């Protein structure tokens, strides 16, 4: 079995943000919609969070 490579803190933050956004969208919208709808909502959430992160002092 191939060992996992360590990832940077930045990659960890990005990965967690994507998973959290996907969970939030799935929880709010429920399954059964077209993939494009989920993609649009996840993109909007990540865009909002990105603006929030860059505004932190």
Protein backbone atom coordinates (compact mmCIF):
# COMPACT_ATOMS: atom_id res chain seq x y z
CA UNK A 1 0.00 0.00 0.00
CA UNK A 2 1.34 3.42 -0.96
CA UNK A 3 1.68 5.85 1.98
CA UNK A 4 -0.20 9.13 1.82
CA UNK A 5 1.70 12.32 1.15
CA UNK A 6 1.34 15.08 3.69
CA UNK A 7 -0.53 18.14 2.53
CA UNK A 8 0.02 21.77 3.41
CA UNK A 9 -2.16 23.67 5.85
CA UNK A 10 -3.56 25.68 2.94
CA UNK A 11 -4.57 22.51 1.08
CA UNK A 12 -6.19 21.21 4.27
CA UNK A 13 -8.24 24.40 4.63
CA UNK A 14 -9.33 24.31 0.99
CA UNK A 15 -10.30 20.64 1.21
CA UNK A 16 -12.35 21.20 4.35
CA UNK A 17 -14.08 24.20 2.76
CA UNK A 18 -15.09 22.18 -0.30
CA UNK A 19 -16.42 19.28 1.78
CA UNK A 20 -18.30 21.63 4.12
CA UNK A 21 -19.83 23.52 1.19
CA UNK A 22 -20.94 20.27 -0.47
CA UNK A 23 -22.47 19.05 2.79
CA UNK A 24 -24.28 22.34 3.37
CA UNK A 25 -25.74 22.37 -0.16
CA UNK A 26 -26.78 18.71 0.03
CA UNK A 27 -28.43 19.27 3.42
CA UNK A 28 -30.33 22.37 2.29
CA UNK A 29 -31.40 21.24 -1.19
CA UNK A 30 -31.76 17.47 -0.66
CA UNK A 31 -30.73 14.94 -3.31
CA UNK A 32 -32.30 14.61 -6.74
CA UNK A 33 -31.45 17.88 -8.44
CA UNK A 34 -29.28 18.33 -11.51
CA UNK A 35 -25.53 18.42 -10.92
CA UNK A 36 -25.31 21.96 -12.34
CA UNK A 37 -27.58 23.25 -9.58
CA UNK A 38 -25.34 21.77 -6.87
CA UNK A 39 -22.26 23.11 -8.65
CA UNK A 40 -23.73 26.62 -8.78
CA UNK A 41 -24.64 26.64 -5.09
CA UNK A 42 -21.27 25.23 -3.99
CA UNK A 43 -19.45 27.81 -6.12
CA UNK A 44 -21.50 30.61 -4.56
CA UNK A 45 -20.83 29.37 -1.02
CA UNK A 46 -17.09 29.02 -1.65
CA UNK A 47 -17.02 32.49 -3.22
CA UNK A 48 -18.74 33.95 -0.17
CA UNK A 49 -16.35 32.17 2.20
CA UNK A 50 -13.36 33.34 0.15
CA UNK A 51 -14.47 36.96 0.48
CA UNK A 52 -14.86 36.41 4.22
CA UNK A 53 -11.37 34.88 4.55
CA UNK A 54 -9.68 37.74 2.71
CA UNK A 55 -11.43 40.35 4.85
CA UNK A 56 -10.04 38.90 8.09
CA UNK A 57 -7.32 41.10 9.66
